Amino acid sequence: MRYYAVSNMHSLAPRYLCAGLLLLVLSSLAPLSHGQEVESGFGPLPVFEFHSGFWVNLHQFLYYQARLRDAAAEARPSTIKNGRPVLKQTAVSLTPGEQKTWDEAIDYYRTNYANKDPQVNLDLILLKNQLGDFEDCNELLGKKKSSCDAGLPGNVGVVLEAAAPIYRKHWWADQDRANRRWVASVAPLVREQGVGISQRLADIYQSPWPKDKIRVEVCMYASSSGAYATLDPLRVTISSTDRRNQGASALAVLFEQASHGIAFPVEDEIARECKQRDKPIPRDLWHALVLYTTSRVLQPILQDSSSAPQPEATSSPSKAEATQNPSSLADQFAQRGWNDYLTVLDLFWQPYLNGKVNFEDAIAHIVSSI
């Protein structure tokens, strides 16, 4: 069992071991319920289990609002920076009492969470998972129902319970509807393509796909990248309104994030080859390879769906922009500064995907060329 997150986190393995043990203990206290799992309208879905949970959505929304207050470049309202869309703020009229409570909640998040990465920070990972596990509860402190005591750290349970009525009154209904519309739009593709894609990716990475369905937290806001994955357990958090997550591109994002939970043989082989050649491990090579692989595997599906109408995404400035075709793989690599990786992967990883070379030789050629 691995106890590090999606980026280069080997140095944090001992902390993840402690976090994993803590999560096992906390999970044993969580209610065993799937009451908030979103009904897709297309029957049982394979691979993924979609949730539009109140507490996780409130948490992600407060995190986003806190980053806005800190004027983070990645979360500036009504702007697009480096091609990355963000949510527009919705004008809401709060009473003085509501405004005070809401401001206190945002200030708490600014102090404790706004400067942390939800993909790798242990506090945020554990908090998100706990809120998901207790999504069927109307409270988090267990004052009315002891089984709904989430055991959250610090004062965050008090803060969330205080902010909950305000969020429910002014934002939750619209955000939940957006989440459920998104699930309904991606469900047909998951049902039709999910099993085949998961099996293909497992074969490529030479690693079994998880037996249990991967939990997906569907929220109005996920992160500056629109989606992220956390490990142990593997869970995906995705924005339902980010224009990069619409139509067939949503399927690509889901499988790209989920692949972070099974692509460790690639990371290990890259590390082994680098060690043999006395070379540093190339930064983000593993991530680039996962993105490349997902894009190539899903390319036929993306092409078939490119002319289909896409649902409007509120994070983009216009309906036309929301329905435009997804960025090409070259564009996505260029935005991340991975142009050289794209050339190398075309030369040495694509032949492996085509069955012309074996796994080890493909990785060896990639490492030797960088």
Foldseek 3Di string as FASTA:
>chain_A
DFQFFLFPGPVCRVVSVVLLVVLVVLLVLFDPDDVQFFDQVPPDFPQATEGAFLLLQLVQVLLLVLLCVVVPVLRPAPDADLNFFHFHDDDDDDDPVLVVLSVVLSVVCNVPPNVDDCRGDSLNVSVSVLSVSLRVDPAQCCPPHVSNPSVRPDCNRVSSNSNSVVCVVTPSVVFSVLQNVLSNQCRVVRRVCVVVLQVLLCVLLVFHQDPDHAYEHEYQQDDSVQKAWTVSPTHIYGHSQGLCCKHVSVVLVVQLRSVSHTNVSLVVLQVVLCVVVVHDRDGCLSSLVSSVVSCVSCVVVLVVCQPPFIDHHNRDPDSVVSRHRHDDSCSVCVSVVNNVSVVLCVVQVVCVSVVNDDDNRSSNSSNVVD
